[in-house]
């Protein structure tokens, strides 16, 4: 699977995804922060699931209706648990990710919102 890991989600998560055989672009290694709109546009253009802790992406996807290739939001997940949570998401929701779902993990709950058909 292809991922774009936002700089706020952490380099450890990006490195771990690579060890699992995924194609990963780490935003922190791609130069200065281009901003949320540009990051989401790049993830859509390259068909990469964007992983972030930033809640602004929900606004861009739902209110501004920006195109995306999937979004994993981890707004209140500490850095020490992100790998574990993403591993669980890959195990339980890989099909939804591949279908462009928006997945939000907050307060121990996982919400999967599939795109309209």
C-alpha atoms as a PDB file:
ATOM      1  CA  UNK A   1       0.000   0.000   0.000  1.00  0.00           C
ATOM      2  CA  UNK A   2       1.152   3.575  -0.619  1.00  0.00           C
ATOM      3  CA  UNK A   3       1.270   6.085   2.241  1.00  0.00           C
ATOM      4  CA  UNK A   4       2.128   9.721   2.795  1.00  0.00           C
ATOM      5  CA  UNK A   5       3.004  10.248   6.458  1.00  0.00           C
ATOM      6  CA  UNK A   6       2.506  13.827   7.642  1.00  0.00           C
ATOM      7  CA  UNK A   7       5.464  15.226   9.566  1.00  0.00           C
ATOM      8  CA  UNK A   8       3.341  15.456  12.735  1.00  0.00           C
ATOM      9  CA  UNK A   9       2.637  11.694  12.621  1.00  0.00           C
ATOM     10  CA  UNK A  10       6.314  10.905  13.008  1.00  0.00           C
ATOM     11  CA  UNK A  11       9.283   9.474  11.211  1.00  0.00           C
ATOM     12  CA  UNK A  12       9.224   6.285  13.342  1.00  0.00           C
ATOM     13  CA  UNK A  13       5.815   5.422  11.887  1.00  0.00           C
ATOM     14  CA  UNK A  14       7.048   6.069   8.335  1.00  0.00           C
ATOM     15  CA  UNK A  15      10.154   3.931   8.905  1.00  0.00           C
ATOM     16  CA  UNK A  16       8.074   1.112  10.403  1.00  0.00           C
ATOM     17  CA  UNK A  17       5.672   1.120   7.428  1.00  0.00           C
ATOM     18  CA  UNK A  18       8.659   0.779   5.087  1.00  0.00           C
ATOM     19  CA  UNK A  19       9.918  -2.253   7.039  1.00  0.00           C
ATOM     20  CA  UNK A  20       6.494  -3.805   6.453  1.00  0.00           C
ATOM     21  CA  UNK A  21       6.978  -3.472   2.682  1.00  0.00           C
ATOM     22  CA  UNK A  22       4.843  -0.388   2.038  1.00  0.00           C
ATOM     23  CA  UNK A  23       5.687   2.455  -0.342  1.00  0.00           C
ATOM     24  CA  UNK A  24       6.043   5.417   2.031  1.00  0.00           C
ATOM     25  CA  UNK A  25       6.683   9.088   1.480  1.00  0.00           C
ATOM     26  CA  UNK A  26       7.672  10.833   4.716  1.00  0.00           C
ATOM     27  CA  UNK A  27       6.615  14.495   4.540  1.00  0.00           C
ATOM     28  CA  UNK A  28       9.300  15.482   7.042  1.00  0.00           C
ATOM     29  CA  UNK A  29      11.972  14.422   4.560  1.00  0.00           C
ATOM     30  CA  UNK A  30      10.388  16.149   1.570  1.00  0.00           C
ATOM     31  CA  UNK A  31      11.536  19.703   2.277  1.00  0.00           C
ATOM     32  CA  UNK A  32       9.703  22.588   3.938  1.00  0.00           C
ATOM     33  CA  UNK A  33       6.111  22.029   5.050  1.00  0.00           C
ATOM     34  CA  UNK A  34       3.959  22.767   1.972  1.00  0.00           C
ATOM     35  CA  UNK A  35       0.777  23.121   4.036  1.00  0.00           C
ATOM     36  CA  UNK A  36      -2.259  20.894   4.459  1.00  0.00           C
ATOM     37  CA  UNK A  37      -3.903  21.653   1.098  1.00  0.00           C
ATOM     38  CA  UNK A  38      -0.751  20.835  -0.879  1.00  0.00           C
ATOM     39  CA  UNK A  39      -0.100  17.706   1.195  1.00  0.00           C
ATOM     40  CA  UNK A  40      -3.621  16.389   0.640  1.00  0.00           C
ATOM     41  CA  UNK A  41      -3.420  17.204  -3.081  1.00  0.00           C
ATOM     42  CA  UNK A  42      -0.129  15.320  -3.369  1.00  0.00           C
ATOM     43  CA  UNK A  43      -1.523  12.282  -1.566  1.00  0.00           C
ATOM     44  CA  UNK A  44      -4.501  12.264  -3.964  1.00  0.00           C
ATOM     45  CA  UNK A  45      -2.336  12.735  -7.073  1.00  0.00           C
ATOM     46  CA  UNK A  46      -0.007   9.904  -6.043  1.00  0.00           C
ATOM     47  CA  UNK A  47      -2.822   7.704  -4.675  1.00  0.00           C
ATOM     48  CA  UNK A  48      -1.297   7.599  -1.190  1.00  0.00           C
ATOM     49  CA  UNK A  49      -3.239   7.179   2.036  1.00  0.00           C
ATOM     50  CA  UNK A  50      -2.389  10.203   4.172  1.00  0.00           C
ATOM     51  CA  UNK A  51      -1.622   9.527   7.845  1.00  0.00           C
ATOM     52  CA  UNK A  52      -1.819  12.502  10.182  1.00  0.00           C
ATOM     53  CA  UNK A  53      -2.654  13.627  13.688  1.00  0.00           C
ATOM     54  CA  UNK A  54      -3.849  16.996  12.356  1.00  0.00           C
ATOM     55  CA  UNK A  55      -7.634  17.434  12.519  1.00  0.00           C
ATOM     56  CA  UNK A  56      -7.679  20.099   9.770  1.00  0.00           C
ATOM     57  CA  UNK A  57      -7.671  17.406   7.096  1.00  0.00           C
ATOM     58  CA  UNK A  58     -11.185  16.368   8.086  1.00  0.00           C
ATOM     59  CA  UNK A  59     -12.357  19.882   7.244  1.00  0.00           C
ATOM     60  CA  UNK A  60     -10.596  19.762   3.879  1.00  0.00           C
ATOM     61  CA  UNK A  61     -12.116  16.388   3.009  1.00  0.00           C
ATOM     62  CA  UNK A  62     -15.650  16.900   4.316  1.00  0.00           C
ATOM     63  CA  UNK A  63     -16.307  20.631   4.028  1.00  0.00           C
ATOM     64  CA  UNK A  64     -14.051  21.675   1.155  1.00  0.00           C
ATOM     65  CA  UNK A  65     -14.633  18.310  -0.562  1.00  0.00           C
ATOM     66  CA  UNK A  66     -10.990  17.966  -1.578  1.00  0.00           C
ATOM     67  CA  UNK A  67     -10.036  14.813  -3.405  1.00  0.00           C
ATOM     68  CA  UNK A  68      -8.060  12.230  -1.467  1.00  0.00           C
ATOM     69  CA  UNK A  69      -6.917   8.629  -1.697  1.00  0.00           C
ATOM     70  CA  UNK A  70      -7.736   7.812   1.905  1.00  0.00           C
ATOM     71  CA  UNK A  71      -7.015   9.420   5.222  1.00  0.00           C
ATOM     72  CA  UNK A  72      -6.000   8.002   8.588  1.00  0.00           C
ATOM     73  CA  UNK A  73      -6.489  10.488  11.407  1.00  0.00           C
ATOM     74  CA  UNK A  74      -4.852   9.796  14.775  1.00  0.00           C
ATOM     75  CA  UNK A  75      -5.583  13.060  16.625  1.00  0.00           C
ATOM     76  CA  UNK A  76      -5.159  11.869  20.200  1.00  0.00           C
ATOM     77  CA  UNK A  77      -2.909   8.833  19.744  1.00  0.00           C
ATOM     78  CA  UNK A  78       0.456   9.284  21.474  1.00  0.00           C
ATOM     79  CA  UNK A  79       3.567   8.685  19.386  1.00  0.00           C
ATOM     80  CA  UNK A  80       4.331   5.552  21.416  1.00  0.00           C
ATOM     81  CA  UNK A  81       1.082   3.893  20.229  1.00  0.00           C
ATOM     82  CA  UNK A  82       0.859   4.995  16.570  1.00  0.00           C
ATOM     83  CA  UNK A  83       2.657   1.980  15.138  1.00  0.00           C
ATOM     84  CA  UNK A  84       0.466  -0.400  17.135  1.00  0.00           C
ATOM     85  CA  UNK A  85      -2.713   1.382  15.998  1.00  0.00           C
ATOM     86  CA  UNK A  86      -1.691   1.511  12.330  1.00  0.00           C
ATOM     87  CA  UNK A  87      -0.748  -2.169  12.494  1.00  0.00           C
ATOM     88  CA  UNK A  88      -4.256  -2.927  13.791  1.00  0.00           C
ATOM     89  CA  UNK A  89      -5.807  -0.774  11.054  1.00  0.00           C
ATOM     90  CA  UNK A  90      -3.819  -2.593   8.383  1.00  0.00           C
ATOM     91  CA  UNK A  91      -4.938  -5.914   9.797  1.00  0.00           C
ATOM     92  CA  UNK A  92      -8.616  -5.034  10.218  1.00  0.00           C
ATOM     93  CA  UNK A  93      -9.324  -2.305   7.648  1.00  0.00           C
ATOM     94  CA  UNK A  94      -6.900  -2.688   4.711  1.00  0.00           C
ATOM     95  CA  UNK A  95      -9.778  -3.041   2.228  1.00  0.00           C
ATOM     96  CA  UNK A  96     -11.350   0.191   3.490  1.00  0.00           C
ATOM     97  CA  UNK A  97      -7.985   1.958   3.216  1.00  0.00           C
ATOM     98  CA  UNK A  98      -7.567   0.752  -0.350  1.00  0.00           C
ATOM     99  CA  UNK A  99     -11.084   2.015  -1.122  1.00  0.00           C
ATOM    100  CA  UNK A 100     -10.208   5.546   0.037  1.00  0.00           C
ATOM    101  CA  UNK A 101     -11.861   5.524   3.450  1.00  0.00           C
ATOM    102  CA  UNK A 102     -11.387   8.169   6.085  1.00  0.00           C
ATOM    103  CA  UNK A 103     -10.418   6.359   9.272  1.00  0.00           C
ATOM    104  CA  UNK A 104     -10.375   8.238  12.557  1.00  0.00           C
ATOM    105  CA  UNK A 105      -9.035   6.777  15.788  1.00  0.00           C
ATOM    106  CA  UNK A 106     -10.033   8.825  18.812  1.00  0.00           C
ATOM    107  CA  UNK A 107     -10.566   7.944  22.456  1.00  0.00           C
ATOM    108  CA  UNK A 108     -10.006   4.254  21.757  1.00  0.00           C
ATOM    109  CA  UNK A 109     -12.690   4.118  19.050  1.00  0.00           C
ATOM    110  CA  UNK A 110     -12.171   3.492  15.347  1.00  0.00           C
ATOM    111  CA  UNK A 111     -14.534   5.160  12.892  1.00  0.00           C
ATOM    112  CA  UNK A 112     -14.359   4.090   9.249  1.00  0.00           C
ATOM    113  CA  UNK A 113     -16.128   6.309   6.723  1.00  0.00           C
ATOM    114  CA  UNK A 114     -16.182   4.817   3.252  1.00  0.00           C
ATOM    115  CA  UNK A 115     -16.435   7.156   0.272  1.00  0.00           C
ATOM    116  CA  UNK A 116     -19.831   7.342  -1.449  1.00  0.00           C
ATOM    117  CA  UNK A 117     -20.266   4.921  -4.346  1.00  0.00           C
END
